[in-house]
Amino acid sequence: MQELGLRGLEATLIPVLSFEFLSLPTFWEKLSRPEGYGGLIFTSPRAVEAVELSLEQDGKSEVWKKSLREAWSAKPVYVVGNATASLVKKLGLEAEGESSGNAEKLAECICSREPPALPLLFPCGALKGEVLPQMLKDKGIPMESIIVYQKIPHPGIQVNLDSYYSKQVGAVSRGLG
């Protein structure tokens, strides 16, 4: 928005999407059993946020710090992008594949490694692409996905739009008056 302002344009940011987190108790059950998985896959910052939200409930962050973080640290944690990698590092885990750029390239990265005996845990959104799961399946790499978030309309979108348009009408009225 600043860049547009420098060029003589006025911009208004109106958020249109928000995220709703799902299945967090079930996700926590899976996170608390690292011995059942060969690693983690995160293709979005929202999936990592789901871990953080799971840890915030009922003092689970202590369990994470005392034992689970170390157990997961011994396994690969695959990510797409620097933002996702940064959030993974805040959890105390090391990220791999952050420079892959997209799910397809991350799948290639995962497939180039020794295949895990146990499934990789893949927390994802309701609208996840099928490229990564299909590529892993084709290579015989076991994976278990769990939907932990979905996109929803931003709860304030109507109020924000109404406010924006009323300001525009007011500005036009003042300009004509």
N, C-alpha and C. Protein backbone atom coordinates (compact mmCIF):
# COMPACT_ATOMS: atom_id res chain seq x y z
N MET A 1 0.83 -1.18 0.00
CA MET A 1 0.00 0.00 0.00
C MET A 1 0.88 1.25 0.00
N GLN A 2 2.00 1.19 0.71
CA GLN A 2 2.91 2.33 0.73
C GLN A 2 3.46 2.59 -0.66
N GLU A 3 3.79 1.51 -1.35
CA GLU A 3 4.34 1.64 -2.70
C GLU A 3 3.32 2.30 -3.62
N LEU A 4 2.06 1.93 -3.50
CA LEU A 4 1.02 2.56 -4.32
C LEU A 4 0.90 4.04 -3.97
N GLY A 5 0.98 4.36 -2.67
CA GLY A 5 0.91 5.75 -2.21
C GLY A 5 2.04 6.59 -2.79
N LEU A 6 3.22 6.00 -2.87
CA LEU A 6 4.37 6.72 -3.44
C LEU A 6 4.16 7.03 -4.93
N ARG A 7 3.32 6.28 -5.54
CA ARG A 7 3.04 6.47 -6.97
C ARG A 7 1.76 7.29 -7.20
N GLY A 8 1.27 7.92 -6.13
CA GLY A 8 0.11 8.80 -6.26
C GLY A 8 -1.24 8.09 -6.23
N LEU A 9 -1.24 6.84 -5.86
CA LEU A 9 -2.50 6.08 -5.79
C LEU A 9 -2.91 5.88 -4.35
N GLU A 10 -4.20 5.82 -4.14
CA GLU A 10 -4.72 5.56 -2.80
C GLU A 10 -5.29 4.14 -2.78
N ALA A 11 -4.88 3.36 -1.82
CA ALA A 11 -5.35 1.98 -1.71
C ALA A 11 -6.00 1.76 -0.36
N THR A 12 -6.99 0.90 -0.35
CA THR A 12 -7.65 0.51 0.89
C THR A 12 -7.59 -1.00 0.98
N LEU A 13 -7.13 -1.50 2.10
CA LEU A 13 -7.05 -2.94 2.32
C LEU A 13 -8.29 -3.41 3.04
N ILE A 14 -9.02 -4.31 2.43
CA ILE A 14 -10.21 -4.89 3.04
C ILE A 14 -10.03 -6.41 3.05
N PRO A 15 -9.77 -6.99 4.22
CA PRO A 15 -9.60 -8.45 4.27
C PRO A 15 -10.88 -9.16 3.85
N VAL A 16 -10.73 -10.15 2.99
CA VAL A 16 -11.91 -10.89 2.53
C VAL A 16 -11.94 -12.33 3.03
N LEU A 17 -10.78 -12.83 3.45
CA LEU A 17 -10.72 -14.21 3.92
C LEU A 17 -10.21 -14.27 5.35
N SER A 18 -10.65 -15.31 6.03
CA SER A 18 -10.16 -15.61 7.37
C SER A 18 -9.98 -17.13 7.41
N PHE A 19 -9.52 -17.63 8.53
CA PHE A 19 -9.29 -19.07 8.64
C PHE A 19 -9.98 -19.60 9.88
N GLU A 20 -10.58 -20.77 9.73
CA GLU A 20 -11.22 -21.46 10.84
C GLU A 20 -10.44 -22.76 11.05
N PHE A 21 -10.04 -22.98 12.29
CA PHE A 21 -9.26 -24.18 12.59
C PHE A 21 -10.17 -25.32 12.99
N LEU A 22 -9.84 -26.51 12.50
CA LEU A 22 -10.68 -27.70 12.65
C LEU A 22 -9.90 -28.85 13.26
N SER A 23 -10.60 -29.75 13.89
CA SER A 23 -10.04 -31.05 14.32
C SER A 23 -8.81 -30.92 15.20
N LEU A 24 -8.70 -29.85 15.97
CA LEU A 24 -7.50 -29.66 16.79
C LEU A 24 -7.30 -30.75 17.84
N PRO A 25 -8.37 -31.23 18.52
CA PRO A 25 -8.14 -32.33 19.47
C PRO A 25 -7.61 -33.60 18.79
N THR A 26 -8.14 -33.92 17.62
CA THR A 26 -7.67 -35.10 16.88
C THR A 26 -6.24 -34.89 16.42
N PHE A 27 -5.95 -33.66 15.97
CA PHE A 27 -4.60 -33.34 15.54
C PHE A 27 -3.63 -33.48 16.71
N TRP A 28 -4.02 -32.99 17.88
CA TRP A 28 -3.16 -33.11 19.06
C TRP A 28 -2.87 -34.57 19.39
N GLU A 29 -3.88 -35.43 19.26
CA GLU A 29 -3.67 -36.87 19.52
C GLU A 29 -2.57 -37.40 18.61
N LYS A 30 -2.58 -36.99 17.37
CA LYS A 30 -1.57 -37.46 16.42
C LYS A 30 -0.20 -36.87 16.76
N LEU A 31 -0.18 -35.56 17.10
CA LEU A 31 1.08 -34.93 17.48
C LEU A 31 1.68 -35.57 18.73
N SER A 32 0.81 -36.08 19.62
CA SER A 32 1.35 -36.67 20.85
C SER A 32 1.84 -38.11 20.67
N ARG A 33 1.79 -38.60 19.44
CA ARG A 33 2.30 -39.93 19.14
C ARG A 33 3.35 -39.87 18.03
N PRO A 34 4.46 -39.18 18.27
CA PRO A 34 5.48 -39.08 17.21
C PRO A 34 6.05 -40.43 16.80
N GLU A 35 5.99 -41.39 17.71
CA GLU A 35 6.51 -42.73 17.38
C GLU A 35 5.72 -43.40 16.27
N GLY A 36 4.54 -42.88 15.95
CA GLY A 36 3.71 -43.46 14.90
C GLY A 36 3.92 -42.84 13.53
N TYR A 37 4.84 -41.88 13.45
CA TYR A 37 5.03 -41.15 12.19
C TYR A 37 6.50 -41.04 11.82
N GLY A 38 6.74 -40.91 10.51
CA GLY A 38 8.10 -40.79 10.01
C GLY A 38 8.55 -39.35 9.85
N GLY A 39 7.66 -38.39 10.10
CA GLY A 39 8.00 -36.98 9.96
C GLY A 39 6.75 -36.15 9.76
N LEU A 40 6.96 -34.88 9.49
CA LEU A 40 5.86 -33.92 9.29
C LEU A 40 6.01 -33.22 7.96
N ILE A 41 4.88 -32.79 7.39
CA ILE A 41 4.88 -31.99 6.17
C ILE A 41 4.00 -30.77 6.44
N PHE A 42 4.55 -29.57 6.22
CA PHE A 42 3.80 -28.33 6.34
C PHE A 42 3.91 -27.56 5.03
N THR A 43 2.78 -27.34 4.37
CA THR A 43 2.82 -26.59 3.12
C THR A 43 2.25 -25.18 3.28
N SER A 44 1.88 -24.80 4.51
CA SER A 44 1.36 -23.45 4.73
C SER A 44 1.59 -23.01 6.17
N PRO A 45 1.70 -21.71 6.39
CA PRO A 45 1.82 -21.20 7.75
C PRO A 45 0.61 -21.57 8.62
N ARG A 46 -0.57 -21.68 7.99
CA ARG A 46 -1.79 -22.02 8.75
C ARG A 46 -1.67 -23.39 9.41
N ALA A 47 -1.05 -24.33 8.74
CA ALA A 47 -0.89 -25.67 9.31
C ALA A 47 -0.01 -25.63 10.55
N VAL A 48 1.02 -24.78 10.51
CA VAL A 48 1.89 -24.63 11.68
C VAL A 48 1.13 -23.91 12.80
N GLU A 49 0.29 -22.94 12.43
CA GLU A 49 -0.55 -22.26 13.42
C GLU A 49 -1.45 -23.26 14.14
N ALA A 50 -1.91 -24.28 13.42
CA ALA A 50 -2.74 -25.31 14.04
C ALA A 50 -1.98 -26.04 15.15
N VAL A 51 -0.68 -26.26 14.94
CA VAL A 51 0.15 -26.86 16.00
C VAL A 51 0.18 -25.92 17.19
N GLU A 52 0.45 -24.64 16.93
CA GLU A 52 0.52 -23.65 18.01
C GLU A 52 -0.79 -23.59 18.79
N LEU A 53 -1.91 -23.58 18.08
CA LEU A 53 -3.22 -23.54 18.75
C LEU A 53 -3.46 -24.80 19.57
N SER A 54 -3.02 -25.93 19.06
CA SER A 54 -3.16 -27.19 19.81
C SER A 54 -2.36 -27.15 21.10
N LEU A 55 -1.18 -26.54 21.03
CA LEU A 55 -0.31 -26.46 22.21
C LEU A 55 -0.86 -25.51 23.27
N GLU A 56 -1.63 -24.50 22.85
CA GLU A 56 -2.16 -23.51 23.79
C GLU A 56 -3.27 -24.06 24.67
N GLN A 57 -3.87 -25.17 24.26
CA GLN A 57 -4.99 -25.71 25.01
C GLN A 57 -4.52 -26.59 26.16
N ASP A 58 -5.06 -26.35 27.34
CA ASP A 58 -4.86 -27.21 28.52
C ASP A 58 -3.39 -27.44 28.88
N GLY A 59 -2.54 -26.46 28.72
CA GLY A 59 -1.15 -26.59 29.14
C GLY A 59 -0.34 -27.62 28.38
N LYS A 60 -0.72 -27.88 27.15
CA LYS A 60 -0.02 -28.90 26.36
C LYS A 60 1.37 -28.43 25.93
N SER A 61 1.62 -27.13 26.03
CA SER A 61 2.95 -26.65 25.62
C SER A 61 4.04 -27.22 26.51
N GLU A 62 3.72 -27.51 27.76
CA GLU A 62 4.71 -28.13 28.66
C GLU A 62 5.06 -29.54 28.19
N VAL A 63 4.06 -30.29 27.78
CA VAL A 63 4.29 -31.64 27.25
C VAL A 63 5.15 -31.55 25.99
N TRP A 64 4.85 -30.56 25.16
CA TRP A 64 5.63 -30.35 23.94
C TRP A 64 7.09 -30.09 24.28
N LYS A 65 7.32 -29.16 25.20
CA LYS A 65 8.68 -28.77 25.56
C LYS A 65 9.44 -29.90 26.24
N LYS A 66 8.76 -30.69 27.07
CA LYS A 66 9.44 -31.73 27.85
C LYS A 66 9.79 -32.97 27.04
N SER A 67 8.95 -33.34 26.06
CA SER A 67 9.25 -34.60 25.38
C SER A 67 8.91 -34.61 23.90
N LEU A 68 7.79 -34.06 23.52
CA LEU A 68 7.35 -34.20 22.13
C LEU A 68 8.23 -33.46 21.14
N ARG A 69 8.66 -32.27 21.50
CA ARG A 69 9.50 -31.49 20.59
C ARG A 69 10.77 -32.27 20.24
N GLU A 70 11.38 -32.88 21.25
CA GLU A 70 12.60 -33.65 21.01
C GLU A 70 12.33 -34.86 20.12
N ALA A 71 11.21 -35.53 20.37
CA ALA A 71 10.87 -36.71 19.56
C ALA A 71 10.62 -36.32 18.10
N TRP A 72 9.91 -35.20 17.88
CA TRP A 72 9.67 -34.76 16.51
C TRP A 72 10.96 -34.22 15.87
N SER A 73 11.86 -33.67 16.67
CA SER A 73 13.12 -33.14 16.15
C SER A 73 13.98 -34.22 15.53
N ALA A 74 13.78 -35.45 15.94
CA ALA A 74 14.56 -36.56 15.40
C ALA A 74 14.05 -37.01 14.03
N LYS A 75 12.96 -36.40 13.58
CA LYS A 75 12.34 -36.79 12.31
C LYS A 75 12.39 -35.61 11.34
N PRO A 76 12.32 -35.89 10.05
CA PRO A 76 12.32 -34.78 9.09
C PRO A 76 11.01 -33.97 9.18
N VAL A 77 11.15 -32.66 9.02
CA VAL A 77 9.99 -31.77 8.98
C VAL A 77 10.11 -30.99 7.66
N TYR A 78 9.29 -31.37 6.70
CA TYR A 78 9.34 -30.79 5.36
C TYR A 78 8.41 -29.59 5.28
N VAL A 79 8.87 -28.51 4.64
CA VAL A 79 8.07 -27.29 4.54
C VAL A 79 8.19 -26.66 3.16
N VAL A 80 7.17 -25.88 2.80
CA VAL A 80 7.21 -25.04 1.61
C VAL A 80 7.32 -23.60 2.09
N GLY A 81 8.35 -22.91 1.67
CA GLY A 81 8.47 -21.48 1.90
C GLY A 81 9.14 -21.06 3.18
N ASN A 82 9.69 -19.85 3.12
CA ASN A 82 10.42 -19.30 4.26
C ASN A 82 9.52 -18.95 5.44
N ALA A 83 8.31 -18.45 5.15
CA ALA A 83 7.39 -18.08 6.24
C ALA A 83 7.02 -19.33 7.05
N THR A 84 6.73 -20.41 6.36
CA THR A 84 6.38 -21.66 7.04
C THR A 84 7.59 -22.19 7.81
N ALA A 85 8.76 -22.13 7.21
CA ALA A 85 9.99 -22.59 7.88
C ALA A 85 10.25 -21.79 9.14
N SER A 86 10.04 -20.49 9.07
CA SER A 86 10.26 -19.64 10.23
C SER A 86 9.34 -20.03 11.39
N LEU A 87 8.08 -20.31 11.10
CA LEU A 87 7.14 -20.74 12.15
C LEU A 87 7.51 -22.10 12.72
N VAL A 88 7.99 -23.00 11.86
CA VAL A 88 8.42 -24.32 12.31
C VAL A 88 9.61 -24.18 13.26
N LYS A 89 10.51 -23.28 12.93
CA LYS A 89 11.68 -23.07 13.79
C LYS A 89 11.28 -22.52 15.16
N LYS A 90 10.22 -21.70 15.19
CA LYS A 90 9.72 -21.19 16.48
C LYS A 90 9.18 -22.32 17.36
N LEU A 91 8.74 -23.40 16.72
CA LEU A 91 8.29 -24.57 17.48
C LEU A 91 9.46 -25.37 18.03
N GLY A 92 10.67 -25.03 17.58
CA GLY A 92 11.85 -25.74 18.02
C GLY A 92 12.23 -26.90 17.12
N LEU A 93 11.74 -26.88 15.88
CA LEU A 93 12.02 -27.94 14.93
C LEU A 93 12.84 -27.39 13.78
N GLU A 94 13.60 -28.25 13.12
CA GLU A 94 14.39 -27.86 11.95
C GLU A 94 13.58 -28.16 10.70
N ALA A 95 13.52 -27.20 9.80
CA ALA A 95 12.76 -27.36 8.56
C ALA A 95 13.67 -27.81 7.42
N GLU A 96 13.11 -28.63 6.54
CA GLU A 96 13.81 -29.07 5.33
C GLU A 96 12.96 -28.75 4.12
N GLY A 97 13.59 -28.36 3.03
CA GLY A 97 12.87 -28.14 1.78
C GLY A 97 12.24 -26.78 1.63
N GLU A 98 12.57 -25.84 2.51
CA GLU A 98 11.91 -24.54 2.49
C GLU A 98 12.09 -23.79 1.18
N SER A 99 13.17 -24.05 0.47
CA SER A 99 13.40 -23.35 -0.79
C SER A 99 12.73 -24.05 -1.98
N SER A 100 11.96 -25.09 -1.71
CA SER A 100 11.31 -25.83 -2.79
C SER A 100 10.31 -24.96 -3.55
N GLY A 101 9.65 -24.04 -2.89
CA GLY A 101 8.78 -23.09 -3.58
C GLY A 101 7.33 -23.50 -3.75
N ASN A 102 7.06 -24.78 -3.92
CA ASN A 102 5.68 -25.24 -4.05
C ASN A 102 5.58 -26.71 -3.65
N ALA A 103 4.35 -27.20 -3.56
CA ALA A 103 4.12 -28.57 -3.08
C ALA A 103 4.74 -29.61 -4.01
N GLU A 104 4.69 -29.36 -5.31
CA GLU A 104 5.26 -30.33 -6.26
C GLU A 104 6.77 -30.47 -6.06
N LYS A 105 7.46 -29.35 -5.93
CA LYS A 105 8.92 -29.39 -5.72
C LYS A 105 9.25 -30.01 -4.36
N LEU A 106 8.40 -29.74 -3.35
CA LEU A 106 8.63 -30.35 -2.04
C LEU A 106 8.45 -31.87 -2.14
N ALA A 107 7.44 -32.31 -2.88
CA ALA A 107 7.23 -33.75 -3.07
C ALA A 107 8.46 -34.38 -3.72
N GLU A 108 9.05 -33.69 -4.71
CA GLU A 108 10.27 -34.20 -5.34
C GLU A 108 11.39 -34.32 -4.32
N CYS A 109 11.50 -33.32 -3.45
CA CYS A 109 12.52 -33.32 -2.39
C CYS A 109 12.30 -34.53 -1.46
N ILE A 110 11.06 -34.74 -1.05
CA ILE A 110 10.75 -35.86 -0.15
C ILE A 110 11.03 -37.19 -0.84
N CYS A 111 10.65 -37.28 -2.11
CA CYS A 111 10.83 -38.54 -2.86
C CYS A 111 12.30 -38.85 -3.12
N SER A 112 13.16 -37.83 -3.06
CA SER A 112 14.59 -38.05 -3.31
C SER A 112 15.29 -38.64 -2.08
N ARG A 113 14.62 -38.68 -0.96
CA ARG A 113 15.19 -39.20 0.28
C ARG A 113 14.82 -40.68 0.46
N GLU A 114 15.46 -41.28 1.44
CA GLU A 114 15.11 -42.66 1.81
C GLU A 114 13.66 -42.68 2.28
N PRO A 115 12.82 -43.52 1.70
CA PRO A 115 11.41 -43.50 2.10
C PRO A 115 11.23 -43.95 3.56
N PRO A 116 10.40 -43.23 4.31
CA PRO A 116 10.18 -43.60 5.70
C PRO A 116 9.33 -44.86 5.81
N ALA A 117 9.55 -45.63 6.87
CA ALA A 117 8.74 -46.82 7.09
C ALA A 117 7.36 -46.43 7.62
N LEU A 118 7.32 -45.33 8.35
CA LEU A 118 6.07 -44.85 8.94
C LEU A 118 5.51 -43.70 8.10
N PRO A 119 4.20 -43.45 8.18
CA PRO A 119 3.62 -42.37 7.37
C PRO A 119 4.09 -40.99 7.84
N LEU A 120 4.16 -40.08 6.89
CA LEU A 120 4.43 -38.68 7.19
C LEU A 120 3.09 -38.04 7.56
N LEU A 121 3.08 -37.24 8.61
CA LEU A 121 1.86 -36.56 9.05
C LEU A 121 1.76 -35.23 8.31
N PHE A 122 0.63 -35.01 7.64
CA PHE A 122 0.44 -33.84 6.78
C PHE A 122 -0.79 -33.06 7.21
N PRO A 123 -0.63 -32.11 8.16
CA PRO A 123 -1.74 -31.23 8.50
C PRO A 123 -1.94 -30.23 7.36
N CYS A 124 -3.19 -30.08 6.90
CA CYS A 124 -3.41 -29.25 5.72
C CYS A 124 -4.76 -28.55 5.78
N GLY A 125 -5.01 -27.73 4.76
CA GLY A 125 -6.28 -27.04 4.63
C GLY A 125 -7.29 -27.88 3.88
N ALA A 126 -8.54 -27.49 3.98
CA ALA A 126 -9.62 -28.22 3.32
C ALA A 126 -9.48 -28.18 1.80
N LEU A 127 -8.80 -27.17 1.27
CA LEU A 127 -8.64 -27.04 -0.18
C LEU A 127 -7.24 -27.40 -0.65
N LYS A 128 -6.61 -28.36 0.02
CA LYS A 128 -5.25 -28.74 -0.36
C LYS A 128 -5.23 -29.29 -1.78
N GLY A 129 -4.11 -29.07 -2.42
CA GLY A 129 -3.92 -29.64 -3.75
C GLY A 129 -3.63 -31.13 -3.64
N GLU A 130 -3.76 -31.81 -4.74
CA GLU A 130 -3.55 -33.26 -4.73
C GLU A 130 -2.19 -33.66 -5.29
N VAL A 131 -1.40 -32.69 -5.74
CA VAL A 131 -0.11 -33.00 -6.36
C VAL A 131 0.80 -33.72 -5.38
N LEU A 132 1.03 -33.13 -4.22
CA LEU A 132 1.95 -33.72 -3.24
C LEU A 132 1.46 -35.10 -2.78
N PRO A 133 0.21 -35.24 -2.32
CA PRO A 133 -0.23 -36.59 -1.90
C PRO A 133 -0.11 -37.63 -3.02
N GLN A 134 -0.44 -37.24 -4.26
CA GLN A 134 -0.39 -38.19 -5.36
C GLN A 134 1.05 -38.59 -5.69
N MET A 135 1.95 -37.63 -5.69
CA MET A 135 3.36 -37.94 -5.98
C MET A 135 3.94 -38.88 -4.92
N LEU A 136 3.62 -38.61 -3.65
CA LEU A 136 4.12 -39.48 -2.59
C LEU A 136 3.53 -40.88 -2.71
N LYS A 137 2.23 -40.93 -3.00
CA LYS A 137 1.57 -42.23 -3.17
C LYS A 137 2.20 -43.02 -4.32
N ASP A 138 2.46 -42.32 -5.44
CA ASP A 138 3.07 -42.98 -6.61
C ASP A 138 4.44 -43.55 -6.30
N LYS A 139 5.16 -42.92 -5.37
CA LYS A 139 6.50 -43.39 -4.99
C LYS A 139 6.46 -44.36 -3.80
N GLY A 140 5.26 -44.67 -3.34
CA GLY A 140 5.13 -45.61 -2.22
C GLY A 140 5.50 -45.02 -0.87
N ILE A 141 5.45 -43.71 -0.76
CA ILE A 141 5.77 -43.05 0.51
C ILE A 141 4.48 -42.86 1.29
N PRO A 142 4.38 -43.50 2.45
CA PRO A 142 3.14 -43.40 3.21
C PRO A 142 2.93 -42.01 3.79
N MET A 143 1.68 -41.55 3.75
CA MET A 143 1.34 -40.22 4.25
C MET A 143 -0.06 -40.26 4.84
N GLU A 144 -0.23 -39.52 5.93
CA GLU A 144 -1.55 -39.41 6.55
C GLU A 144 -1.88 -37.92 6.65
N SER A 145 -2.93 -37.51 5.95
CA SER A 145 -3.29 -36.10 6.02
C SER A 145 -4.44 -35.90 7.00
N ILE A 146 -4.47 -34.71 7.61
CA ILE A 146 -5.55 -34.32 8.49
C ILE A 146 -5.86 -32.86 8.19
N ILE A 147 -7.12 -32.57 7.94
CA ILE A 147 -7.55 -31.21 7.65
C ILE A 147 -7.63 -30.45 8.96
N VAL A 148 -6.82 -29.39 9.08
CA VAL A 148 -6.76 -28.63 10.33
C VAL A 148 -7.26 -27.18 10.18
N TYR A 149 -7.56 -26.76 8.95
CA TYR A 149 -8.13 -25.42 8.77
C TYR A 149 -8.89 -25.33 7.47
N GLN A 150 -9.76 -24.33 7.41
CA GLN A 150 -10.45 -24.02 6.16
C GLN A 150 -10.57 -22.51 6.02
N LYS A 151 -10.64 -22.07 4.78
CA LYS A 151 -10.83 -20.65 4.52
C LYS A 151 -12.32 -20.33 4.66
N ILE A 152 -12.59 -19.18 5.28
CA ILE A 152 -13.97 -18.72 5.43
C ILE A 152 -14.00 -17.22 5.10
N PRO A 153 -15.18 -16.69 4.76
CA PRO A 153 -15.25 -15.24 4.55
C PRO A 153 -14.86 -14.51 5.83
N HIS A 154 -14.13 -13.43 5.69
CA HIS A 154 -13.73 -12.64 6.86
C HIS A 154 -15.00 -12.16 7.57
N PRO A 155 -15.06 -12.34 8.90
CA PRO A 155 -16.28 -11.97 9.62
C PRO A 155 -16.64 -10.48 9.53
N GLY A 156 -15.68 -9.63 9.26
CA GLY A 156 -15.97 -8.20 9.18
C GLY A 156 -16.07 -7.66 7.77
N ILE A 157 -16.16 -8.54 6.77
CA ILE A 157 -16.12 -8.07 5.39
C ILE A 157 -17.26 -7.12 5.07
N GLN A 158 -18.47 -7.43 5.50
CA GLN A 158 -19.61 -6.57 5.16
C GLN A 158 -19.50 -5.20 5.83
N VAL A 159 -19.13 -5.19 7.11
CA VAL A 159 -18.95 -3.93 7.82
C VAL A 159 -17.84 -3.10 7.16
N ASN A 160 -16.74 -3.76 6.82
CA ASN A 160 -15.62 -3.06 6.18
C ASN A 160 -16.00 -2.48 4.82
N LEU A 161 -16.75 -3.26 4.03
CA LEU A 161 -17.19 -2.76 2.73
C LEU A 161 -18.16 -1.60 2.88
N ASP A 162 -19.13 -1.75 3.79
CA ASP A 162 -20.09 -0.68 4.03
C ASP A 162 -19.38 0.60 4.45
N SER A 163 -18.41 0.47 5.35
CA SER A 163 -17.65 1.63 5.82
C SER A 163 -16.88 2.28 4.67
N TYR A 164 -16.25 1.46 3.87
CA TYR A 164 -15.48 1.97 2.74
C TYR A 164 -16.38 2.75 1.78
N TYR A 165 -17.51 2.14 1.41
CA TYR A 165 -18.41 2.80 0.45
C TYR A 165 -19.04 4.06 1.02
N SER A 166 -19.37 4.05 2.30
CA SER A 166 -19.96 5.26 2.89
C SER A 166 -18.93 6.40 2.91
N LYS A 167 -17.65 6.08 3.14
CA LYS A 167 -16.60 7.10 3.08
C LYS A 167 -16.44 7.62 1.66
N GLN A 168 -16.54 6.73 0.68
CA GLN A 168 -16.40 7.16 -0.72
C GLN A 168 -17.55 8.08 -1.12
N VAL A 169 -18.76 7.71 -0.72
CA VAL A 169 -19.92 8.54 -1.04
C VAL A 169 -19.79 9.89 -0.34
N GLY A 170 -19.34 9.87 0.93
CA GLY A 170 -19.13 11.12 1.66
C GLY A 170 -18.09 12.00 0.99
N ALA A 171 -17.00 11.40 0.51
CA ALA A 171 -15.95 12.16 -0.15
C ALA A 171 -16.45 12.76 -1.46
N VAL A 172 -17.25 12.01 -2.19
CA VAL A 172 -17.80 12.51 -3.45
C VAL A 172 -18.78 13.65 -3.15
N SER A 173 -19.63 13.48 -2.13
CA SER A 173 -20.59 14.52 -1.75
C SER A 173 -19.87 15.80 -1.36
N ARG A 174 -18.81 15.67 -0.56
CA ARG A 174 -18.06 16.85 -0.13
C ARG A 174 -17.40 17.52 -1.34
N GLY A 175 -16.97 16.72 -2.27
CA GLY A 175 -16.31 17.27 -3.46
C GLY A 175 -17.28 18.04 -4.35
N LEU A 176 -18.54 17.58 -4.37
CA LEU A 176 -19.54 18.24 -5.20
C LEU A 176 -20.13 19.46 -4.50
N GLY A 177 -20.11 19.44 -3.15
CA GLY A 177 -20.75 20.51 -2.37
C GLY A 177 -19.90 21.71 -2.36
